[in-house]
Amino acid sequence: MSPTPDDYLAALATAEQLVEDIAAAQRLLADLDRQRTANREALTHLRKDSTPKTKGWMDMGGMLVRLETPQIIQRLLKDQETIDEESTKARNTIQAKFRQLERLQQSNVERVRQFELRASQS
């Protein structure tokens, strides 16, 4: 059975959705990288310039909490692990969607070839 124009349009819509998903995952990855960098800077500052008994302020979900330096460091390290896990998931999502998009584009090339029109010579 040869593909219909509706099949071709459906494949294009699917490809567009995949591209949007890839772009969203890339934006998420960029945001996670910013968070990772900010956490790393905070950890460096706390390790260099603070003593274990000093207290500092930490933003925890929109709420400022005063904690001792070792507790802040521990929470930042835990956040780093969470960010790393989410980054890995986002990268895997990007790779999977990209592979799916490549397969779809290869099948689209075959569909387009079937719709090629040739001018008749008179």
Protein backbone atom coordinates (compact mmCIF):
# COMPACT_ATOMS: atom_id res chain seq x y z
CA MET A 1 0.00 0.00 0.00
CA SER A 2 1.44 3.34 -0.96
CA PRO A 3 1.43 6.18 1.54
CA THR A 4 -1.16 8.89 1.26
CA PRO A 5 -0.55 12.61 1.69
CA ASP A 6 -2.21 12.32 5.10
CA ASP A 7 0.43 9.77 6.13
CA TYR A 8 3.13 12.18 5.06
CA LEU A 9 1.54 15.06 7.02
CA ALA A 10 1.17 12.86 10.10
CA ALA A 11 4.86 11.96 9.88
CA LEU A 12 5.77 15.64 9.61
CA ALA A 13 3.65 16.44 12.67
CA THR A 14 5.37 13.65 14.60
CA ALA A 15 8.77 14.96 13.54
CA GLU A 16 7.84 18.46 14.68
CA GLN A 17 6.74 17.12 18.06
CA LEU A 18 10.02 15.23 18.45
CA VAL A 19 12.01 18.37 17.65
CA GLU A 20 10.01 20.32 20.25
CA ASP A 21 10.66 17.59 22.83
CA ILE A 22 14.39 17.66 22.05
CA ALA A 23 14.48 21.45 22.39
CA ALA A 24 12.64 21.30 25.73
CA ALA A 25 15.06 18.67 27.04
CA GLN A 26 18.00 20.82 25.92
CA ARG A 27 16.57 23.83 27.78
CA LEU A 28 16.14 21.66 30.88
CA LEU A 29 19.73 20.49 30.53
CA ALA A 30 20.94 24.11 30.32
CA ASP A 31 18.95 25.02 33.46
CA LEU A 32 20.35 22.03 35.32
CA ASP A 33 23.86 23.02 34.27
CA ARG A 34 23.29 26.53 35.67
CA GLN A 35 22.09 25.02 38.96
CA ARG A 36 25.08 22.68 39.08
CA THR A 37 27.47 25.58 38.52
CA ALA A 38 25.80 27.71 41.21
CA ASN A 39 25.96 24.81 43.69
CA ARG A 40 29.60 24.16 42.86
CA GLU A 41 30.44 27.84 43.43
CA ALA A 42 28.57 27.81 46.75
CA LEU A 43 30.36 24.64 47.85
CA THR A 44 33.75 26.12 46.98
CA HIS A 45 32.96 29.30 48.91
CA LEU A 46 31.70 27.40 51.95
CA ARG A 47 34.70 25.07 52.05
CA LYS A 48 37.23 27.90 51.74
CA ASP A 49 35.77 30.74 53.75
CA SER A 50 33.68 29.13 56.49
CA THR A 51 34.36 27.32 59.71
CA PRO A 52 32.24 24.32 60.76
CA LYS A 53 30.44 26.26 63.50
CA THR A 54 29.39 29.23 61.38
CA LYS A 55 25.82 29.45 60.23
CA GLY A 56 24.57 30.55 56.88
CA TRP A 57 21.32 31.11 55.07
CA MET A 58 20.05 28.60 52.55
CA ASP A 59 17.05 28.86 50.23
CA MET A 60 14.97 25.71 50.56
CA GLY A 61 11.99 25.80 48.25
CA GLY A 62 11.32 29.52 48.61
CA MET A 63 11.99 29.52 52.34
CA LEU A 64 15.21 30.86 53.88
CA VAL A 65 16.62 28.61 56.58
CA ARG A 66 19.67 29.24 58.76
CA LEU A 67 21.87 26.16 59.02
CA GLU A 68 25.39 25.30 60.09
CA THR A 69 27.98 25.05 57.33
CA PRO A 70 28.32 21.22 57.36
CA GLN A 71 24.55 20.85 56.95
CA ILE A 72 24.52 23.30 54.05
CA ILE A 73 27.39 21.46 52.38
CA GLN A 74 25.61 18.13 52.87
CA ARG A 75 22.39 19.47 51.31
CA LEU A 76 24.26 21.03 48.39
CA LEU A 77 26.04 17.72 47.72
CA LYS A 78 22.69 15.94 47.78
CA ASP A 79 21.32 18.54 45.35
CA GLN A 80 24.33 17.94 43.09
CA GLU A 81 23.53 14.21 42.99
CA THR A 82 19.90 14.94 42.13
CA ILE A 83 20.95 17.38 39.40
CA ASP A 84 23.36 14.80 37.97
CA GLU A 85 20.60 12.17 37.85
CA GLU A 86 18.18 14.57 36.15
CA SER A 87 20.89 15.61 33.68
CA THR A 88 21.54 11.98 32.80
CA LYS A 89 17.81 11.41 32.25
CA ALA A 90 17.58 14.51 30.05
CA ARG A 91 20.59 13.41 27.97
CA ASN A 92 19.11 9.94 27.54
CA THR A 93 15.80 11.49 26.49
CA ILE A 94 17.56 13.69 23.93
CA GLN A 95 19.44 10.72 22.50
CA ALA A 96 16.33 8.54 22.28
CA LYS A 97 14.21 11.26 20.68
CA PHE A 98 17.01 12.10 18.25
CA ARG A 99 17.32 8.44 17.19
CA GLN A 100 13.55 8.28 16.75
CA LEU A 101 13.66 11.48 14.67
CA GLU A 102 16.42 10.06 12.46
CA ARG A 103 14.39 6.89 11.81
CA LEU A 104 11.34 8.98 11.01
CA GLN A 105 13.28 11.20 8.63
CA GLN A 106 14.69 8.18 6.82
CA SER A 107 11.19 6.82 6.32
CA ASN A 108 10.04 10.28 5.18
CA VAL A 109 12.69 10.27 2.46
CA GLU A 110 11.22 7.02 1.17
CA ARG A 111 7.70 8.51 1.29
CA VAL A 112 8.81 11.60 -0.61
CA ARG A 113 10.39 9.47 -3.30
CA GLN A 114 7.07 7.74 -3.83
CA PHE A 115 5.39 11.11 -4.36
CA GLU A 116 7.96 12.42 -6.82
CA LEU A 117 6.34 13.60 -9.98
CA ARG A 118 8.07 13.44 -13.26
CA ALA A 119 7.20 15.67 -16.16
CA SER A 120 6.15 13.83 -19.23
CA GLN A 121 8.04 14.71 -22.33
CA SER A 122 5.90 15.71 -25.23
